[in-house]
Amino acid sequence: MTLSERLIASWPAPIVARSEVGRFSGGTLHPRTMANKDALGEGPGKILIGGKVCYDRDALARWIESRATVQA
């Protein structure tokens, strides 16, 4: 199972609020990091719901996986 598949399987909703990216990523990302990435156009694409910034769970998981490197 890939990293993105495991992240997707572990999250119960199809969206992730920016404030929850730390929990979604196992503490590796911070909401401010995502805000900075979004401002630079480097994020996974944000969704606004009721004034709250969210991400599509699957897109966020793939985005995280695309930036992960495995160290031997």
PDB file of N, CA and C in Angstrom:
ATOM      1  N   MET A   1       0.850  -1.174   0.000  1.00  0.00           N
ATOM      2  CA  MET A   1       0.000   0.000   0.000  1.00  0.00           C
ATOM      3  C   MET A   1       0.898   1.241   0.000  1.00  0.00           C
ATOM      4  N   THR A   2       0.604   2.191  -0.868  1.00  0.00           N
ATOM      5  CA  THR A   2       1.413   3.404  -0.967  1.00  0.00           C
ATOM      6  C   THR A   2       1.117   4.348   0.199  1.00  0.00           C
ATOM      7  N   LEU A   3       1.965   5.324   0.358  1.00  0.00           N
ATOM      8  CA  LEU A   3       1.774   6.326   1.406  1.00  0.00           C
ATOM      9  C   LEU A   3       0.444   7.048   1.221  1.00  0.00           C
ATOM     10  N   SER A   4       0.148   7.463   0.003  1.00  0.00           N
ATOM     11  CA  SER A   4      -1.110   8.190  -0.222  1.00  0.00           C
ATOM     12  C   SER A   4      -2.318   7.297   0.057  1.00  0.00           C
ATOM     13  N   GLU A   5      -2.243   6.025  -0.292  1.00  0.00           N
ATOM     14  CA  GLU A   5      -3.344   5.105  -0.008  1.00  0.00           C
ATOM     15  C   GLU A   5      -3.554   4.943   1.498  1.00  0.00           C
ATOM     16  N   ARG A   6      -2.459   4.896   2.248  1.00  0.00           N
ATOM     17  CA  ARG A   6      -2.576   4.769   3.706  1.00  0.00           C
ATOM     18  C   ARG A   6      -3.151   6.042   4.319  1.00  0.00           C
ATOM     19  N   LEU A   7      -2.723   7.206   3.833  1.00  0.00           N
ATOM     20  CA  LEU A   7      -3.278   8.468   4.336  1.00  0.00           C
ATOM     21  C   LEU A   7      -4.777   8.549   4.050  1.00  0.00           C
ATOM     22  N   ILE A   8      -5.172   8.191   2.835  1.00  0.00           N
ATOM     23  CA  ILE A   8      -6.584   8.223   2.446  1.00  0.00           C
ATOM     24  C   ILE A   8      -7.398   7.272   3.307  1.00  0.00           C
ATOM     25  N   ALA A   9      -6.890   6.066   3.515  1.00  0.00           N
ATOM     26  CA  ALA A   9      -7.620   5.067   4.299  1.00  0.00           C
ATOM     27  C   ALA A   9      -7.770   5.473   5.760  1.00  0.00           C
ATOM     28  N   SER A  10      -6.854   6.280   6.262  1.00  0.00           N
ATOM     29  CA  SER A  10      -6.884   6.649   7.675  1.00  0.00           C
ATOM     30  C   SER A  10      -7.760   7.862   7.980  1.00  0.00           C
ATOM     31  N   TRP A  11      -8.238   8.557   6.954  1.00  0.00           N
ATOM     32  CA  TRP A  11      -9.013   9.785   7.169  1.00  0.00           C
ATOM     33  C   TRP A  11     -10.480   9.534   6.829  1.00  0.00           C
ATOM     34  N   PRO A  12     -11.400   9.825   7.741  1.00  0.00           N
ATOM     35  CA  PRO A  12     -12.803   9.447   7.552  1.00  0.00           C
ATOM     36  C   PRO A  12     -13.621  10.327   6.603  1.00  0.00           C
ATOM     37  N   ALA A  13     -13.133  11.505   6.266  1.00  0.00           N
ATOM     38  CA  ALA A  13     -13.919  12.429   5.438  1.00  0.00           C
ATOM     39  C   ALA A  13     -13.221  12.673   4.100  1.00  0.00           C
ATOM     40  N   PRO A  14     -13.965  13.093   3.079  1.00  0.00           N
ATOM     41  CA  PRO A  14     -13.350  13.343   1.774  1.00  0.00           C
ATOM     42  C   PRO A  14     -12.602  14.670   1.694  1.00  0.00           C
ATOM     43  N   ILE A  15     -12.693  15.499   2.746  1.00  0.00           N
ATOM     44  CA  ILE A  15     -11.965  16.761   2.782  1.00  0.00           C
ATOM     45  C   ILE A  15     -11.154  16.849   4.067  1.00  0.00           C
ATOM     46  N   VAL A  16     -10.125  17.698   4.012  1.00  0.00           N
ATOM     47  CA  VAL A  16      -9.277  17.948   5.178  1.00  0.00           C
ATOM     48  C   VAL A  16      -9.196  19.455   5.354  1.00  0.00           C
ATOM     49  N   ALA A  17      -9.620  19.961   6.503  1.00  0.00           N
ATOM     50  CA  ALA A  17      -9.500  21.388   6.791  1.00  0.00           C
ATOM     51  C   ALA A  17      -8.022  21.726   6.942  1.00  0.00           C
ATOM     52  N   ARG A  18      -7.647  22.926   6.507  1.00  0.00           N
ATOM     53  CA  ARG A  18      -6.246  23.329   6.647  1.00  0.00           C
ATOM     54  C   ARG A  18      -5.793  23.207   8.100  1.00  0.00           C
ATOM     55  N   SER A  19      -6.674  23.524   9.021  1.00  0.00           N
ATOM     56  CA  SER A  19      -6.325  23.442  10.446  1.00  0.00           C
ATOM     57  C   SER A  19      -6.045  22.006  10.898  1.00  0.00           C
ATOM     58  N   GLU A  20      -6.428  21.014  10.098  1.00  0.00           N
ATOM     59  CA  GLU A  20      -6.241  19.599  10.441  1.00  0.00           C
ATOM     60  C   GLU A  20      -5.111  18.920   9.664  1.00  0.00           C
ATOM     61  N   VAL A  21      -4.378  19.684   8.848  1.00  0.00           N
ATOM     62  CA  VAL A  21      -3.333  19.037   8.040  1.00  0.00           C
ATOM     63  C   VAL A  21      -2.247  18.404   8.904  1.00  0.00           C
ATOM     64  N   GLY A  22      -1.996  18.955  10.069  1.00  0.00           N
ATOM     65  CA  GLY A  22      -1.014  18.356  10.972  1.00  0.00           C
ATOM     66  C   GLY A  22      -1.430  16.967  11.398  1.00  0.00           C
ATOM     67  N   ARG A  23      -2.681  16.827  11.772  1.00  0.00           N
ATOM     68  CA  ARG A  23      -3.202  15.520  12.177  1.00  0.00           C
ATOM     69  C   ARG A  23      -3.234  14.559  10.991  1.00  0.00           C
ATOM     70  N   PHE A  24      -3.663  15.056   9.828  1.00  0.00           N
ATOM     71  CA  PHE A  24      -3.735  14.215   8.634  1.00  0.00           C
ATOM     72  C   PHE A  24      -2.353  13.698   8.241  1.00  0.00           C
ATOM     73  N   SER A  25      -1.337  14.553   8.373  1.00  0.00           N
ATOM     74  CA  SER A  25       0.012  14.206   7.921  1.00  0.00           C
ATOM     75  C   SER A  25       0.883  13.586   9.005  1.00  0.00           C
ATOM     76  N   GLY A  26       0.301  13.263  10.130  1.00  0.00           N
ATOM     77  CA  GLY A  26       1.089  12.689  11.218  1.00  0.00           C
ATOM     78  C   GLY A  26       2.041  13.685  11.847  1.00  0.00           C
ATOM     79  N   GLY A  27       1.667  14.956  11.787  1.00  0.00           N
ATOM     80  CA  GLY A  27       2.476  16.002  12.401  1.00  0.00           C
ATOM     81  C   GLY A  27       3.586  16.549  11.527  1.00  0.00           C
ATOM     82  N   THR A  28       3.665  16.125  10.280  1.00  0.00           N
ATOM     83  CA  THR A  28       4.760  16.574   9.416  1.00  0.00           C
ATOM     84  C   THR A  28       4.479  17.899   8.717  1.00  0.00           C
ATOM     85  N   LEU A  29       3.228  18.306   8.653  1.00  0.00           N
ATOM     86  CA  LEU A  29       2.866  19.580   8.035  1.00  0.00           C
ATOM     87  C   LEU A  29       2.167  20.469   9.049  1.00  0.00           C
ATOM     88  N   HIS A  30       2.300  21.765   8.850  1.00  0.00           N
ATOM     89  CA  HIS A  30       1.644  22.748   9.718  1.00  0.00           C
ATOM     90  C   HIS A  30       0.697  23.577   8.844  1.00  0.00           C
ATOM     91  N   PRO A  31      -0.422  24.033   9.400  1.00  0.00           N
ATOM     92  CA  PRO A  31      -1.335  24.867   8.619  1.00  0.00           C
ATOM     93  C   PRO A  31      -0.663  26.096   8.000  1.00  0.00           C
ATOM     94  N   ARG A  32       0.294  26.709   8.696  1.00  0.00           N
ATOM     95  CA  ARG A  32       0.989  27.875   8.122  1.00  0.00           C
ATOM     96  C   ARG A  32       1.836  27.481   6.918  1.00  0.00           C
ATOM     97  N   THR A  33       2.419  26.287   6.960  1.00  0.00           N
ATOM     98  CA  THR A  33       3.181  25.801   5.811  1.00  0.00           C
ATOM     99  C   THR A  33       2.265  25.687   4.604  1.00  0.00           C
ATOM    100  N   MET A  34       1.065  25.130   4.833  1.00  0.00           N
ATOM    101  CA  MET A  34       0.120  24.982   3.726  1.00  0.00           C
ATOM    102  C   MET A  34      -0.346  26.340   3.212  1.00  0.00           C
ATOM    103  N   ALA A  35      -0.551  27.294   4.104  1.00  0.00           N
ATOM    104  CA  ALA A  35      -0.942  28.647   3.681  1.00  0.00           C
ATOM    105  C   ALA A  35       0.151  29.255   2.802  1.00  0.00           C
ATOM    106  N   ASN A  36       1.403  29.070   3.201  1.00  0.00           N
ATOM    107  CA  ASN A  36       2.520  29.573   2.397  1.00  0.00           C
ATOM    108  C   ASN A  36       2.582  28.882   1.040  1.00  0.00           C
ATOM    109  N   LYS A  37       2.424  27.562   1.023  1.00  0.00           N
ATOM    110  CA  LYS A  37       2.448  26.819  -0.240  1.00  0.00           C
ATOM    111  C   LYS A  37       1.311  27.281  -1.150  1.00  0.00           C
ATOM    112  N   ASP A  38       0.130  27.496  -0.570  1.00  0.00           N
ATOM    113  CA  ASP A  38      -1.007  27.972  -1.361  1.00  0.00           C
ATOM    114  C   ASP A  38      -0.718  29.348  -1.955  1.00  0.00           C
ATOM    115  N   ALA A  39      -0.135  30.239  -1.151  1.00  0.00           N
ATOM    116  CA  ALA A  39       0.170  31.593  -1.622  1.00  0.00           C
ATOM    117  C   ALA A  39       1.169  31.576  -2.775  1.00  0.00           C
ATOM    118  N   LEU A  40       2.064  30.600  -2.767  1.00  0.00           N
ATOM    119  CA  LEU A  40       3.059  30.468  -3.824  1.00  0.00           C
ATOM    120  C   LEU A  40       2.554  29.660  -5.017  1.00  0.00           C
ATOM    121  N   GLY A  41       1.327  29.139  -4.923  1.00  0.00           N
ATOM    122  CA  GLY A  41       0.781  28.305  -5.986  1.00  0.00           C
ATOM    123  C   GLY A  41       1.395  26.921  -6.011  1.00  0.00           C
ATOM    124  N   GLU A  42       1.940  26.463  -4.888  1.00  0.00           N
ATOM    125  CA  GLU A  42       2.618  25.181  -4.820  1.00  0.00           C
ATOM    126  C   GLU A  42       1.838  24.133  -4.026  1.00  0.00           C
ATOM    127  N   GLY A  43       0.648  24.478  -3.549  1.00  0.00           N
ATOM    128  CA  GLY A  43      -0.149  23.552  -2.759  1.00  0.00           C
ATOM    129  C   GLY A  43      -0.943  22.594  -3.632  1.00  0.00           C
ATOM    130  N   PRO A  44      -1.705  21.720  -2.997  1.00  0.00           N
ATOM    131  CA  PRO A  44      -2.485  20.721  -3.739  1.00  0.00           C
ATOM    132  C   PRO A  44      -3.783  21.264  -4.318  1.00  0.00           C
ATOM    133  N   GLY A  45      -4.074  22.529  -4.129  1.00  0.00           N
ATOM    134  CA  GLY A  45      -5.340  23.118  -4.578  1.00  0.00           C
ATOM    135  C   GLY A  45      -6.298  23.183  -3.410  1.00  0.00           C
ATOM    136  N   LYS A  46      -6.757  24.366  -3.094  1.00  0.00           N
ATOM    137  CA  LYS A  46      -7.607  24.537  -1.916  1.00  0.00           C
ATOM    138  C   LYS A  46      -9.069  24.672  -2.306  1.00  0.00           C
ATOM    139  N   ILE A  47      -9.910  24.357  -1.336  1.00  0.00           N
ATOM    140  CA  ILE A  47     -11.362  24.463  -1.469  1.00  0.00           C
ATOM    141  C   ILE A  47     -11.829  25.370  -0.342  1.00  0.00           C
ATOM    142  N   LEU A  48     -12.674  26.331  -0.640  1.00  0.00           N
ATOM    143  CA  LEU A  48     -13.236  27.192   0.407  1.00  0.00           C
ATOM    144  C   LEU A  48     -14.638  26.706   0.743  1.00  0.00           C
ATOM    145  N   ILE A  49     -14.863  26.433   2.016  1.00  0.00           N
ATOM    146  CA  ILE A  49     -16.180  26.014   2.492  1.00  0.00           C
ATOM    147  C   ILE A  49     -16.519  26.884   3.694  1.00  0.00           C
ATOM    148  N   GLY A  50     -17.517  27.738   3.530  1.00  0.00           N
ATOM    149  CA  GLY A  50     -17.918  28.609   4.626  1.00  0.00           C
ATOM    150  C   GLY A  50     -16.789  29.472   5.137  1.00  0.00           C
ATOM    151  N   GLY A  51     -15.916  29.929   4.278  1.00  0.00           N
ATOM    152  CA  GLY A  51     -14.798  30.763   4.672  1.00  0.00           C
ATOM    153  C   GLY A  51     -13.613  29.981   5.220  1.00  0.00           C
ATOM    154  N   LYS A  52     -13.723  28.667   5.299  1.00  0.00           N
ATOM    155  CA  LYS A  52     -12.642  27.821   5.803  1.00  0.00           C
ATOM    156  C   LYS A  52     -11.905  27.185   4.627  1.00  0.00           C
ATOM    157  N   VAL A  53     -10.584  27.177   4.703  1.00  0.00           N
ATOM    158  CA  VAL A  53      -9.782  26.566   3.646  1.00  0.00           C
ATOM    159  C   VAL A  53      -9.671  25.075   3.921  1.00  0.00           C
ATOM    160  N   CYS A  54      -9.971  24.284   2.896  1.00  0.00           N
ATOM    161  CA  CYS A  54      -9.918  22.827   2.984  1.00  0.00           C
ATOM    162  C   CYS A  54      -9.208  22.281   1.754  1.00  0.00           C
ATOM    163  N   TYR A  55      -8.905  20.992   1.814  1.00  0.00           N
ATOM    164  CA  TYR A  55      -8.275  20.299   0.694  1.00  0.00           C
ATOM    165  C   TYR A  55      -9.025  19.004   0.417  1.00  0.00           C
ATOM    166  N   ASP A  56      -9.054  18.627  -0.835  1.00  0.00           N
ATOM    167  CA  ASP A  56      -9.555  17.310  -1.192  1.00  0.00           C
ATOM    168  C   ASP A  56      -8.589  16.293  -0.594  1.00  0.00           C
ATOM    169  N   ARG A  57      -9.095  15.376   0.202  1.00  0.00           N
ATOM    170  CA  ARG A  57      -8.270  14.393   0.909  1.00  0.00           C
ATOM    171  C   ARG A  57      -7.333  13.647  -0.036  1.00  0.00           C
ATOM    172  N   ASP A  58      -7.857  13.162  -1.154  1.00  0.00           N
ATOM    173  CA  ASP A  58      -7.053  12.357  -2.070  1.00  0.00           C
ATOM    174  C   ASP A  58      -5.960  13.196  -2.730  1.00  0.00           C
ATOM    175  N   ALA A  59      -6.312  14.429  -3.130  1.00  0.00           N
ATOM    176  CA  ALA A  59      -5.325  15.320  -3.752  1.00  0.00           C
ATOM    177  C   ALA A  59      -4.230  15.680  -2.756  1.00  0.00           C
ATOM    178  N   LEU A  60      -4.620  15.938  -1.501  1.00  0.00           N
ATOM    179  CA  LEU A  60      -3.632  16.261  -0.469  1.00  0.00           C
ATOM    180  C   LEU A  60      -2.712  15.067  -0.213  1.00  0.00           C
ATOM    181  N   ALA A  61      -3.273  13.880  -0.143  1.00  0.00           N
ATOM    182  CA  ALA A  61      -2.465  12.676   0.085  1.00  0.00           C
ATOM    183  C   ALA A  61      -1.471  12.460  -1.059  1.00  0.00           C
ATOM    184  N   ARG A  62      -1.918  12.635  -2.290  1.00  0.00           N
ATOM    185  CA  ARG A  62      -1.017  12.479  -3.446  1.00  0.00           C
ATOM    186  C   ARG A  62       0.061  13.558  -3.443  1.00  0.00           C
ATOM    187  N   TRP A  63      -0.314  14.788  -3.052  1.00  0.00           N
ATOM    188  CA  TRP A  63       0.626  15.901  -2.971  1.00  0.00           C
ATOM    189  C   TRP A  63       1.707  15.589  -1.939  1.00  0.00           C
ATOM    190  N   ILE A  64       1.321  15.095  -0.776  1.00  0.00           N
ATOM    191  CA  ILE A  64       2.287  14.734   0.261  1.00  0.00           C
ATOM    192  C   ILE A  64       3.214  13.639  -0.260  1.00  0.00           C
ATOM    193  N   GLU A  65       2.638  12.609  -0.859  1.00  0.00           N
ATOM    194  CA  GLU A  65       3.446  11.503  -1.375  1.00  0.00           C
ATOM    195  C   GLU A  65       4.432  11.971  -2.446  1.00  0.00           C
ATOM    196  N   SER A  66       4.024  12.911  -3.287  1.00  0.00           N
ATOM    197  CA  SER A  66       4.898  13.381  -4.363  1.00  0.00           C
ATOM    198  C   SER A  66       6.102  14.152  -3.831  1.00  0.00           C
ATOM    199  N   ARG A  67       6.017  14.615  -2.599  1.00  0.00           N
ATOM    200  CA  ARG A  67       7.111  15.363  -1.992  1.00  0.00           C
ATOM    201  C   ARG A  67       7.936  14.559  -1.000  1.00  0.00           C
ATOM    202  N   ALA A  68       7.528  13.315  -0.771  1.00  0.00           N
ATOM    203  CA  ALA A  68       8.216  12.470   0.196  1.00  0.00           C
ATOM    204  C   ALA A  68       9.428  11.800  -0.450  1.00  0.00           C
ATOM    205  N   THR A  69      10.496  11.683   0.316  1.00  0.00           N
ATOM    206  CA  THR A  69      11.683  10.948  -0.130  1.00  0.00           C
ATOM    207  C   THR A  69      12.001   9.897   0.920  1.00  0.00           C
ATOM    208  N   VAL A  70      12.455   8.764   0.475  1.00  0.00           N
ATOM    209  CA  VAL A  70      12.822   7.678   1.366  1.00  0.00           C
ATOM    210  C   VAL A  70      14.335   7.711   1.547  1.00  0.00           C
ATOM    211  N   GLN A  71      14.758   7.739   2.785  1.00  0.00           N
ATOM    212  CA  GLN A  71      16.185   7.726   3.115  1.00  0.00           C
ATOM    213  C   GLN A  71      16.602   6.329   3.543  1.00  0.00           C
ATOM    214  N   ALA A  72      17.700   5.864   3.040  1.00  0.00           N
ATOM    215  CA  ALA A  72      18.189   4.520   3.397  1.00  0.00           C
ATOM    216  C   ALA A  72      18.940   4.547   4.701  1.00  0.00           C
TER     217      ALA A  72
END
